[in-house]
Amino acid sequence: MRDIIDESDDGASAALSYTHEFFEAAVAMIDERFGDGFAQSNPALIGALVEPSATNLTAFMTAASNIPNDLASLLDQMGPEMFEEAPPAAKPARKKK
């Protein structure tokens, strides 16, 4: 399997790549469970496995793509004073020997 996020990909090539991986994984799982060639004889079963995988990936990628906007909004709400330098912490008192 490839990395979840590959910044060199555009959306279309990433979608094709993931779809191919989901398809190959579905065929392997079906044939392992029901015997060689079962997946080829039952394409609807392949689709039943691939569709939820693609839907879950779409939801993940959509959420991940919103992170920069959500973070920017949160930082705007916090205001610049949150990032001002804090005064140095007091040094702990030394114990007398």
PDB file of N, CA and C in Angstrom:
ATOM      1  N   MET A   1       0.839  -1.187   0.000  1.00  0.00           N
ATOM      2  CA  MET A   1       0.000   0.000   0.000  1.00  0.00           C
ATOM      3  C   MET A   1       0.880   1.245   0.000  1.00  0.00           C
ATOM      4  N   ARG A   2       0.389   2.282  -0.596  1.00  0.00           N
ATOM      5  CA  ARG A   2       1.122   3.534  -0.646  1.00  0.00           C
ATOM      6  C   ARG A   2       0.805   4.395   0.559  1.00  0.00           C
ATOM      7  N   ASP A   3       1.579   5.480   0.722  1.00  0.00           N
ATOM      8  CA  ASP A   3       1.309   6.412   1.811  1.00  0.00           C
ATOM      9  C   ASP A   3      -0.075   7.009   1.616  1.00  0.00           C
ATOM     10  N   ILE A   4      -0.746   7.328   2.707  1.00  0.00           N
ATOM     11  CA  ILE A   4      -2.086   7.911   2.611  1.00  0.00           C
ATOM     12  C   ILE A   4      -2.049   9.253   1.885  1.00  0.00           C
ATOM     13  N   ILE A   5      -1.106  10.105   2.210  1.00  0.00           N
ATOM     14  CA  ILE A   5      -1.033  11.407   1.575  1.00  0.00           C
ATOM     15  C   ILE A   5       0.295  11.520   0.851  1.00  0.00           C
ATOM     16  N   ASP A   6       0.226  11.649  -0.460  1.00  0.00           N
ATOM     17  CA  ASP A   6       1.408  11.841  -1.288  1.00  0.00           C
ATOM     18  C   ASP A   6       1.228  13.180  -1.982  1.00  0.00           C
ATOM     19  N   GLU A   7       1.980  14.176  -1.537  1.00  0.00           N
ATOM     20  CA  GLU A   7       1.765  15.531  -2.024  1.00  0.00           C
ATOM     21  C   GLU A   7       2.127  15.695  -3.494  1.00  0.00           C
ATOM     22  N   SER A   8       2.828  14.727  -4.091  1.00  0.00           N
ATOM     23  CA  SER A   8       3.172  14.840  -5.500  1.00  0.00           C
ATOM     24  C   SER A   8       1.997  14.457  -6.395  1.00  0.00           C
ATOM     25  N   ASP A   9       0.976  13.835  -5.843  1.00  0.00           N
ATOM     26  CA  ASP A   9      -0.194  13.409  -6.615  1.00  0.00           C
ATOM     27  C   ASP A   9      -1.154  14.561  -6.841  1.00  0.00           C
ATOM     28  N   ASP A  10      -1.792  14.546  -8.015  1.00  0.00           N
ATOM     29  CA  ASP A  10      -2.960  15.397  -8.152  1.00  0.00           C
ATOM     30  C   ASP A  10      -4.160  14.533  -7.776  1.00  0.00           C
ATOM     31  N   GLY A  11      -5.292  15.124  -7.608  1.00  0.00           N
ATOM     32  CA  GLY A  11      -6.456  14.380  -7.138  1.00  0.00           C
ATOM     33  C   GLY A  11      -6.868  13.231  -8.035  1.00  0.00           C
ATOM     34  N   ALA A  12      -6.829  13.455  -9.348  1.00  0.00           N
ATOM     35  CA  ALA A  12      -7.291  12.424 -10.280  1.00  0.00           C
ATOM     36  C   ALA A  12      -6.378  11.203 -10.261  1.00  0.00           C
ATOM     37  N   SER A  13      -5.064  11.416 -10.279  1.00  0.00           N
ATOM     38  CA  SER A  13      -4.167  10.261 -10.288  1.00  0.00           C
ATOM     39  C   SER A  13      -4.214   9.529  -8.955  1.00  0.00           C
ATOM     40  N   ALA A  14      -4.376  10.272  -7.867  1.00  0.00           N
ATOM     41  CA  ALA A  14      -4.502   9.623  -6.561  1.00  0.00           C
ATOM     42  C   ALA A  14      -5.766   8.773  -6.508  1.00  0.00           C
ATOM     43  N   ALA A  15      -6.863   9.303  -7.023  1.00  0.00           N
ATOM     44  CA  ALA A  15      -8.128   8.556  -7.018  1.00  0.00           C
ATOM     45  C   ALA A  15      -8.001   7.266  -7.821  1.00  0.00           C
ATOM     46  N   LEU A  16      -7.390   7.352  -8.993  1.00  0.00           N
ATOM     47  CA  LEU A  16      -7.205   6.148  -9.812  1.00  0.00           C
ATOM     48  C   LEU A  16      -6.319   5.130  -9.117  1.00  0.00           C
ATOM     49  N   SER A  17      -5.268   5.606  -8.496  1.00  0.00           N
ATOM     50  CA  SER A  17      -4.343   4.706  -7.813  1.00  0.00           C
ATOM     51  C   SER A  17      -5.021   3.989  -6.652  1.00  0.00           C
ATOM     52  N   TYR A  18      -5.734   4.751  -5.833  1.00  0.00           N
ATOM     53  CA  TYR A  18      -6.424   4.141  -4.694  1.00  0.00           C
ATOM     54  C   TYR A  18      -7.509   3.185  -5.165  1.00  0.00           C
ATOM     55  N   THR A  19      -8.242   3.550  -6.209  1.00  0.00           N
ATOM     56  CA  THR A  19      -9.290   2.670  -6.728  1.00  0.00           C
ATOM     57  C   THR A  19      -8.686   1.350  -7.187  1.00  0.00           C
ATOM     58  N   HIS A  20      -7.549   1.424  -7.867  1.00  0.00           N
ATOM     59  CA  HIS A  20      -6.872   0.205  -8.307  1.00  0.00           C
ATOM     60  C   HIS A  20      -6.468  -0.652  -7.103  1.00  0.00           C
ATOM     61  N   GLU A  21      -5.933  -0.010  -6.071  1.00  0.00           N
ATOM     62  CA  GLU A  21      -5.530  -0.758  -4.871  1.00  0.00           C
ATOM     63  C   GLU A  21      -6.729  -1.392  -4.179  1.00  0.00           C
ATOM     64  N   PHE A  22      -7.829  -0.652  -4.076  1.00  0.00           N
ATOM     65  CA  PHE A  22      -9.038  -1.204  -3.456  1.00  0.00           C
ATOM     66  C   PHE A  22      -9.558  -2.391  -4.262  1.00  0.00           C
ATOM     67  N   PHE A  23      -9.538  -2.246  -5.588  1.00  0.00           N
ATOM     68  CA  PHE A  23      -9.998  -3.320  -6.463  1.00  0.00           C
ATOM     69  C   PHE A  23      -9.151  -4.578  -6.280  1.00  0.00           C
ATOM     70  N   GLU A  24      -7.839  -4.406  -6.343  1.00  0.00           N
ATOM     71  CA  GLU A  24      -6.930  -5.550  -6.192  1.00  0.00           C
ATOM     72  C   GLU A  24      -7.108  -6.217  -4.825  1.00  0.00           C
ATOM     73  N   ALA A  25      -7.261  -5.414  -3.784  1.00  0.00           N
ATOM     74  CA  ALA A  25      -7.443  -5.964  -2.439  1.00  0.00           C
ATOM     75  C   ALA A  25      -8.765  -6.721  -2.338  1.00  0.00           C
ATOM     76  N   ALA A  26      -9.818  -6.177  -2.950  1.00  0.00           N
ATOM     77  CA  ALA A  26     -11.131  -6.835  -2.910  1.00  0.00           C
ATOM     78  C   ALA A  26     -11.071  -8.183  -3.623  1.00  0.00           C
ATOM     79  N   VAL A  27     -10.472  -8.219  -4.797  1.00  0.00           N
ATOM     80  CA  VAL A  27     -10.355  -9.476  -5.550  1.00  0.00           C
ATOM     81  C   VAL A  27      -9.579 -10.508  -4.733  1.00  0.00           C
ATOM     82  N   ALA A  28      -8.469 -10.081  -4.148  1.00  0.00           N
ATOM     83  CA  ALA A  28      -7.655 -11.008  -3.356  1.00  0.00           C
ATOM     84  C   ALA A  28      -8.434 -11.548  -2.154  1.00  0.00           C
ATOM     85  N   MET A  29      -9.150 -10.663  -1.469  1.00  0.00           N
ATOM     86  CA  MET A  29      -9.921 -11.090  -0.294  1.00  0.00           C
ATOM     87  C   MET A  29     -11.020 -12.083  -0.678  1.00  0.00           C
ATOM     88  N   ILE A  30     -11.731 -11.779  -1.754  1.00  0.00           N
ATOM     89  CA  ILE A  30     -12.831 -12.645  -2.189  1.00  0.00           C
ATOM     90  C   ILE A  30     -12.291 -14.016  -2.619  1.00  0.00           C
ATOM     91  N   ASP A  31     -11.250 -14.003  -3.447  1.00  0.00           N
ATOM     92  CA  ASP A  31     -10.696 -15.276  -3.923  1.00  0.00           C
ATOM     93  C   ASP A  31     -10.084 -16.084  -2.789  1.00  0.00           C
ATOM     94  N   GLU A  32      -9.504 -15.404  -1.819  1.00  0.00           N
ATOM     95  CA  GLU A  32      -8.943 -16.133  -0.672  1.00  0.00           C
ATOM     96  C   GLU A  32     -10.050 -16.816   0.122  1.00  0.00           C
ATOM     97  N   ARG A  33     -11.153 -16.125   0.253  1.00  0.00           N
ATOM     98  CA  ARG A  33     -12.262 -16.656   1.062  1.00  0.00           C
ATOM     99  C   ARG A  33     -13.081 -17.727   0.326  1.00  0.00           C
ATOM    100  N   PHE A  34     -13.347 -17.482  -0.979  1.00  0.00           N
ATOM    101  CA  PHE A  34     -14.277 -18.347  -1.712  1.00  0.00           C
ATOM    102  C   PHE A  34     -13.633 -19.182  -2.820  1.00  0.00           C
ATOM    103  N   GLY A  35     -12.346 -18.987  -3.024  1.00  0.00           N
ATOM    104  CA  GLY A  35     -11.658 -19.766  -4.051  1.00  0.00           C
ATOM    105  C   GLY A  35     -11.294 -18.925  -5.271  1.00  0.00           C
ATOM    106  N   ASP A  36     -10.214 -19.336  -5.942  1.00  0.00           N
ATOM    107  CA  ASP A  36      -9.730 -18.610  -7.119  1.00  0.00           C
ATOM    108  C   ASP A  36     -10.824 -18.459  -8.170  1.00  0.00           C
ATOM    109  N   GLY A  37     -10.917 -17.269  -8.713  1.00  0.00           N
ATOM    110  CA  GLY A  37     -11.876 -16.992  -9.777  1.00  0.00           C
ATOM    111  C   GLY A  37     -13.250 -16.576  -9.308  1.00  0.00           C
ATOM    112  N   PHE A  38     -13.527 -16.695  -8.016  1.00  0.00           N
ATOM    113  CA  PHE A  38     -14.865 -16.339  -7.520  1.00  0.00           C
ATOM    114  C   PHE A  38     -15.147 -14.856  -7.724  1.00  0.00           C
ATOM    115  N   ALA A  39     -14.151 -14.015  -7.479  1.00  0.00           N
ATOM    116  CA  ALA A  39     -14.344 -12.567  -7.640  1.00  0.00           C
ATOM    117  C   ALA A  39     -14.687 -12.225  -9.085  1.00  0.00           C
ATOM    118  N   GLN A  40     -13.979 -12.830 -10.029  1.00  0.00           N
ATOM    119  CA  GLN A  40     -14.228 -12.555 -11.445  1.00  0.00           C
ATOM    120  C   GLN A  40     -15.648 -12.965 -11.836  1.00  0.00           C
ATOM    121  N   SER A  41     -16.150 -14.006 -11.229  1.00  0.00           N
ATOM    122  CA  SER A  41     -17.503 -14.478 -11.519  1.00  0.00           C
ATOM    123  C   SER A  41     -18.573 -13.671 -10.793  1.00  0.00           C
ATOM    124  N   ASN A  42     -18.153 -12.835  -9.837  1.00  0.00           N
ATOM    125  CA  ASN A  42     -19.103 -12.074  -9.020  1.00  0.00           C
ATOM    126  C   ASN A  42     -18.663 -10.612  -8.899  1.00  0.00           C
ATOM    127  N   PRO A  43     -18.709  -9.859 -10.007  1.00  0.00           N
ATOM    128  CA  PRO A  43     -18.224  -8.480  -9.977  1.00  0.00           C
ATOM    129  C   PRO A  43     -18.994  -7.564  -9.014  1.00  0.00           C
ATOM    130  N   ALA A  44     -20.261  -7.871  -8.767  1.00  0.00           N
ATOM    131  CA  ALA A  44     -21.028  -7.045  -7.827  1.00  0.00           C
ATOM    132  C   ALA A  44     -20.442  -7.139  -6.422  1.00  0.00           C
ATOM    133  N   LEU A  45     -19.892  -8.293  -6.096  1.00  0.00           N
ATOM    134  CA  LEU A  45     -19.260  -8.474  -4.787  1.00  0.00           C
ATOM    135  C   LEU A  45     -18.010  -7.600  -4.671  1.00  0.00           C
ATOM    136  N   ILE A  46     -17.259  -7.489  -5.773  1.00  0.00           N
ATOM    137  CA  ILE A  46     -16.090  -6.601  -5.774  1.00  0.00           C
ATOM    138  C   ILE A  46     -16.547  -5.174  -5.507  1.00  0.00           C
ATOM    139  N   GLY A  47     -17.571  -4.743  -6.226  1.00  0.00           N
ATOM    140  CA  GLY A  47     -18.103  -3.396  -6.043  1.00  0.00           C
ATOM    141  C   GLY A  47     -18.596  -3.147  -4.628  1.00  0.00           C
ATOM    142  N   ALA A  48     -19.197  -4.180  -4.033  1.00  0.00           N
ATOM    143  CA  ALA A  48     -19.696  -4.046  -2.665  1.00  0.00           C
ATOM    144  C   ALA A  48     -18.563  -3.829  -1.666  1.00  0.00           C
ATOM    145  N   LEU A  49     -17.375  -4.327  -1.984  1.00  0.00           N
ATOM    146  CA  LEU A  49     -16.219  -4.107  -1.109  1.00  0.00           C
ATOM    147  C   LEU A  49     -15.490  -2.807  -1.429  1.00  0.00           C
ATOM    148  N   VAL A  50     -15.404  -2.454  -2.700  1.00  0.00           N
ATOM    149  CA  VAL A  50     -14.654  -1.265  -3.106  1.00  0.00           C
ATOM    150  C   VAL A  50     -15.394   0.018  -2.723  1.00  0.00           C
ATOM    151  N   GLU A  51     -16.688   0.059  -2.896  1.00  0.00           N
ATOM    152  CA  GLU A  51     -17.445   1.297  -2.663  1.00  0.00           C
ATOM    153  C   GLU A  51     -17.283   1.856  -1.248  1.00  0.00           C
ATOM    154  N   PRO A  52     -17.436   1.058  -0.187  1.00  0.00           N
ATOM    155  CA  PRO A  52     -17.257   1.639   1.151  1.00  0.00           C
ATOM    156  C   PRO A  52     -15.823   2.097   1.411  1.00  0.00           C
ATOM    157  N   SER A  53     -14.857   1.401   0.838  1.00  0.00           N
ATOM    158  CA  SER A  53     -13.467   1.823   1.010  1.00  0.00           C
ATOM    159  C   SER A  53     -13.252   3.192   0.389  1.00  0.00           C
ATOM    160  N   ALA A  54     -13.769   3.369  -0.817  1.00  0.00           N
ATOM    161  CA  ALA A  54     -13.627   4.652  -1.502  1.00  0.00           C
ATOM    162  C   ALA A  54     -14.384   5.754  -0.763  1.00  0.00           C
ATOM    163  N   THR A  55     -15.557   5.437  -0.250  1.00  0.00           N
ATOM    164  CA  THR A  55     -16.338   6.420   0.498  1.00  0.00           C
ATOM    165  C   THR A  55     -15.607   6.850   1.761  1.00  0.00           C
ATOM    166  N   ASN A  56     -15.033   5.889   2.483  1.00  0.00           N
ATOM    167  CA  ASN A  56     -14.281   6.218   3.698  1.00  0.00           C
ATOM    168  C   ASN A  56     -13.054   7.051   3.382  1.00  0.00           C
ATOM    169  N   LEU A  57     -12.353   6.731   2.301  1.00  0.00           N
ATOM    170  CA  LEU A  57     -11.180   7.509   1.914  1.00  0.00           C
ATOM    171  C   LEU A  57     -11.587   8.932   1.541  1.00  0.00           C
ATOM    172  N   THR A  58     -12.688   9.071   0.821  1.00  0.00           N
ATOM    173  CA  THR A  58     -13.171  10.404   0.450  1.00  0.00           C
ATOM    174  C   THR A  58     -13.478  11.229   1.696  1.00  0.00           C
ATOM    175  N   ALA A  59     -14.122  10.629   2.669  1.00  0.00           N
ATOM    176  CA  ALA A  59     -14.437  11.349   3.908  1.00  0.00           C
ATOM    177  C   ALA A  59     -13.159  11.759   4.632  1.00  0.00           C
ATOM    178  N   PHE A  60     -12.183  10.857   4.694  1.00  0.00           N
ATOM    179  CA  PHE A  60     -10.914  11.168   5.347  1.00  0.00           C
ATOM    180  C   PHE A  60     -10.195  12.308   4.641  1.00  0.00           C
ATOM    181  N   MET A  61     -10.097  12.209   3.310  1.00  0.00           N
ATOM    182  CA  MET A  61      -9.372  13.225   2.545  1.00  0.00           C
ATOM    183  C   MET A  61     -10.074  14.580   2.635  1.00  0.00           C
ATOM    184  N   THR A  62     -11.394  14.588   2.649  1.00  0.00           N
ATOM    185  CA  THR A  62     -12.139  15.843   2.785  1.00  0.00           C
ATOM    186  C   THR A  62     -11.862  16.473   4.137  1.00  0.00           C
ATOM    187  N   ALA A  63     -11.898  15.660   5.186  1.00  0.00           N
ATOM    188  CA  ALA A  63     -11.608  16.179   6.531  1.00  0.00           C
ATOM    189  C   ALA A  63     -10.178  16.680   6.621  1.00  0.00           C
ATOM    190  N   ALA A  64      -9.240  15.932   6.059  1.00  0.00           N
ATOM    191  CA  ALA A  64      -7.834  16.328   6.114  1.00  0.00           C
ATOM    192  C   ALA A  64      -7.594  17.620   5.351  1.00  0.00           C
ATOM    193  N   SER A  65      -8.298  17.807   4.248  1.00  0.00           N
ATOM    194  CA  SER A  65      -8.098  19.026   3.458  1.00  0.00           C
ATOM    195  C   SER A  65      -8.654  20.255   4.172  1.00  0.00           C
ATOM    196  N   ASN A  66      -9.552  20.069   5.123  1.00  0.00           N
ATOM    197  CA  ASN A  66     -10.118  21.195   5.867  1.00  0.00           C
ATOM    198  C   ASN A  66      -9.256  21.619   7.046  1.00  0.00           C
ATOM    199  N   ILE A  67      -8.277  20.819   7.416  1.00  0.00           N
ATOM    200  CA  ILE A  67      -7.462  21.128   8.597  1.00  0.00           C
ATOM    201  C   ILE A  67      -6.802  22.497   8.515  1.00  0.00           C
ATOM    202  N   PRO A  68      -6.148  22.860   7.394  1.00  0.00           N
ATOM    203  CA  PRO A  68      -5.522  24.193   7.367  1.00  0.00           C
ATOM    204  C   PRO A  68      -6.517  25.327   7.605  1.00  0.00           C
ATOM    205  N   ASN A  69      -7.708  25.238   7.005  1.00  0.00           N
ATOM    206  CA  ASN A  69      -8.711  26.283   7.201  1.00  0.00           C
ATOM    207  C   ASN A  69      -9.221  26.299   8.635  1.00  0.00           C
ATOM    208  N   ASP A  70      -9.448  25.122   9.200  1.00  0.00           N
ATOM    209  CA  ASP A  70      -9.920  25.041  10.577  1.00  0.00           C
ATOM    210  C   ASP A  70      -8.881  25.593  11.537  1.00  0.00           C
ATOM    211  N   LEU A  71      -7.619  25.284  11.289  1.00  0.00           N
ATOM    212  CA  LEU A  71      -6.545  25.772  12.143  1.00  0.00           C
ATOM    213  C   LEU A  71      -6.419  27.285  12.039  1.00  0.00           C
ATOM    214  N   ALA A  72      -6.498  27.817  10.815  1.00  0.00           N
ATOM    215  CA  ALA A  72      -6.416  29.269  10.634  1.00  0.00           C
ATOM    216  C   ALA A  72      -7.554  29.967  11.363  1.00  0.00           C
ATOM    217  N   SER A  73      -8.738  29.408  11.283  1.00  0.00           N
ATOM    218  CA  SER A  73      -9.896  29.988  11.967  1.00  0.00           C
ATOM    219  C   SER A  73      -9.696  29.970  13.479  1.00  0.00           C
ATOM    220  N   LEU A  74      -9.178  28.868  13.997  1.00  0.00           N
ATOM    221  CA  LEU A  74      -8.928  28.758  15.433  1.00  0.00           C
ATOM    222  C   LEU A  74      -7.888  29.781  15.878  1.00  0.00           C
ATOM    223  N   LEU A  75      -6.818  29.928  15.105  1.00  0.00           N
ATOM    224  CA  LEU A  75      -5.776  30.898  15.453  1.00  0.00           C
ATOM    225  C   LEU A  75      -6.324  32.321  15.419  1.00  0.00           C
ATOM    226  N   ASP A  76      -7.198  32.623  14.461  1.00  0.00           N
ATOM    227  CA  ASP A  76      -7.828  33.947  14.407  1.00  0.00           C
ATOM    228  C   ASP A  76      -8.668  34.197  15.648  1.00  0.00           C
ATOM    229  N   GLN A  77      -9.385  33.196  16.108  1.00  0.00           N
ATOM    230  CA  GLN A  77     -10.224  33.331  17.300  1.00  0.00           C
ATOM    231  C   GLN A  77      -9.383  33.538  18.553  1.00  0.00           C
ATOM    232  N   MET A  78      -8.212  32.915  18.590  1.00  0.00           N
ATOM    233  CA  MET A  78      -7.356  33.019  19.773  1.00  0.00           C
ATOM    234  C   MET A  78      -6.723  34.403  19.871  1.00  0.00           C
ATOM    235  N   GLY A  79      -6.428  35.033  18.759  1.00  0.00           N
ATOM    236  CA  GLY A  79      -5.845  36.361  18.755  1.00  0.00           C
ATOM    237  C   GLY A  79      -4.338  36.328  18.946  1.00  0.00           C
ATOM    238  N   PRO A  80      -3.687  37.430  18.559  1.00  0.00           N
ATOM    239  CA  PRO A  80      -2.227  37.480  18.601  1.00  0.00           C
ATOM    240  C   PRO A  80      -1.650  37.458  20.014  1.00  0.00           C
ATOM    241  N   GLU A  81      -2.429  37.886  20.982  1.00  0.00           N
ATOM    242  CA  GLU A  81      -1.898  37.902  22.350  1.00  0.00           C
ATOM    243  C   GLU A  81      -1.535  36.506  22.865  1.00  0.00           C
ATOM    244  N   MET A  82      -2.118  35.483  22.274  1.00  0.00           N
ATOM    245  CA  MET A  82      -1.780  34.113  22.680  1.00  0.00           C
ATOM    246  C   MET A  82      -0.338  33.764  22.338  1.00  0.00           C
ATOM    247  N   PHE A  83       0.243  34.523  21.409  1.00  0.00           N
ATOM    248  CA  PHE A  83       1.563  34.164  20.922  1.00  0.00           C
ATOM    249  C   PHE A  83       2.643  35.155  21.349  1.00  0.00           C
ATOM    250  N   GLU A  84       2.271  36.059  22.236  1.00  0.00           N
ATOM    251  CA  GLU A  84       3.273  36.971  22.769  1.00  0.00           C
ATOM    252  C   GLU A  84       4.174  36.183  23.707  1.00  0.00           C
ATOM    253  N   GLU A  85       5.399  36.673  23.834  1.00  0.00           N
ATOM    254  CA  GLU A  85       6.341  35.961  24.699  1.00  0.00           C
ATOM    255  C   GLU A  85       5.890  36.029  26.144  1.00  0.00           C
ATOM    256  N   ALA A  86       5.950  34.912  26.772  1.00  0.00           N
ATOM    257  CA  ALA A  86       5.619  34.848  28.195  1.00  0.00           C
ATOM    258  C   ALA A  86       6.843  35.293  28.994  1.00  0.00           C
ATOM    259  N   PRO A  87       6.613  35.892  30.156  1.00  0.00           N
ATOM    260  CA  PRO A  87       7.760  36.266  30.981  1.00  0.00           C
ATOM    261  C   PRO A  87       8.509  35.005  31.399  1.00  0.00           C
ATOM    262  N   PRO A  88       9.820  35.137  31.634  1.00  0.00           N
ATOM    263  CA  PRO A  88      10.575  33.944  32.026  1.00  0.00           C
ATOM    264  C   PRO A  88      10.041  33.369  33.340  1.00  0.00           C
ATOM    265  N   ALA A  89      10.097  32.089  33.427  1.00  0.00           N
ATOM    266  CA  ALA A  89       9.633  31.416  34.645  1.00  0.00           C
ATOM    267  C   ALA A  89      10.596  31.715  35.784  1.00  0.00           C
ATOM    268  N   ALA A  90      10.026  31.798  36.967  1.00  0.00           N
ATOM    269  CA  ALA A  90      10.865  32.042  38.147  1.00  0.00           C
ATOM    270  C   ALA A  90      11.750  30.829  38.402  1.00  0.00           C
ATOM    271  N   LYS A  91      12.974  31.126  38.805  1.00  0.00           N
ATOM    272  CA  LYS A  91      13.890  30.024  39.111  1.00  0.00           C
ATOM    273  C   LYS A  91      13.529  29.468  40.479  1.00  0.00           C
ATOM    274  N   PRO A  92      13.586  28.153  40.634  1.00  0.00           N
ATOM    275  CA  PRO A  92      13.268  27.571  41.937  1.00  0.00           C
ATOM    276  C   PRO A  92      14.320  28.004  42.968  1.00  0.00           C
ATOM    277  N   ALA A  93      13.839  28.209  44.177  1.00  0.00           N
ATOM    278  CA  ALA A  93      14.758  28.604  45.263  1.00  0.00           C
ATOM    279  C   ALA A  93      15.700  27.451  45.562  1.00  0.00           C
ATOM    280  N   ARG A  94      16.941  27.824  45.844  1.00  0.00           N
ATOM    281  CA  ARG A  94      17.931  26.797  46.191  1.00  0.00           C
ATOM    282  C   ARG A  94      17.750  26.397  47.644  1.00  0.00           C
ATOM    283  N   LYS A  95      17.896  25.125  47.868  1.00  0.00           N
ATOM    284  CA  LYS A  95      17.832  24.655  49.260  1.00  0.00           C
ATOM    285  C   LYS A  95      19.137  24.961  49.944  1.00  0.00           C
ATOM    286  N   LYS A  96      19.033  25.412  51.181  1.00  0.00           N
ATOM    287  CA  LYS A  96      20.240  25.670  51.961  1.00  0.00           C
ATOM    288  C   LYS A  96      20.785  24.367  52.474  1.00  0.00           C
ATOM    289  N   LYS A  97      22.073  24.235  52.438  1.00  0.00           N
ATOM    290  CA  LYS A  97      22.708  23.004  52.886  1.00  0.00           C
ATOM    291  C   LYS A  97      23.008  23.035  54.357  1.00  0.00           C
TER     292      LYS A  97
END
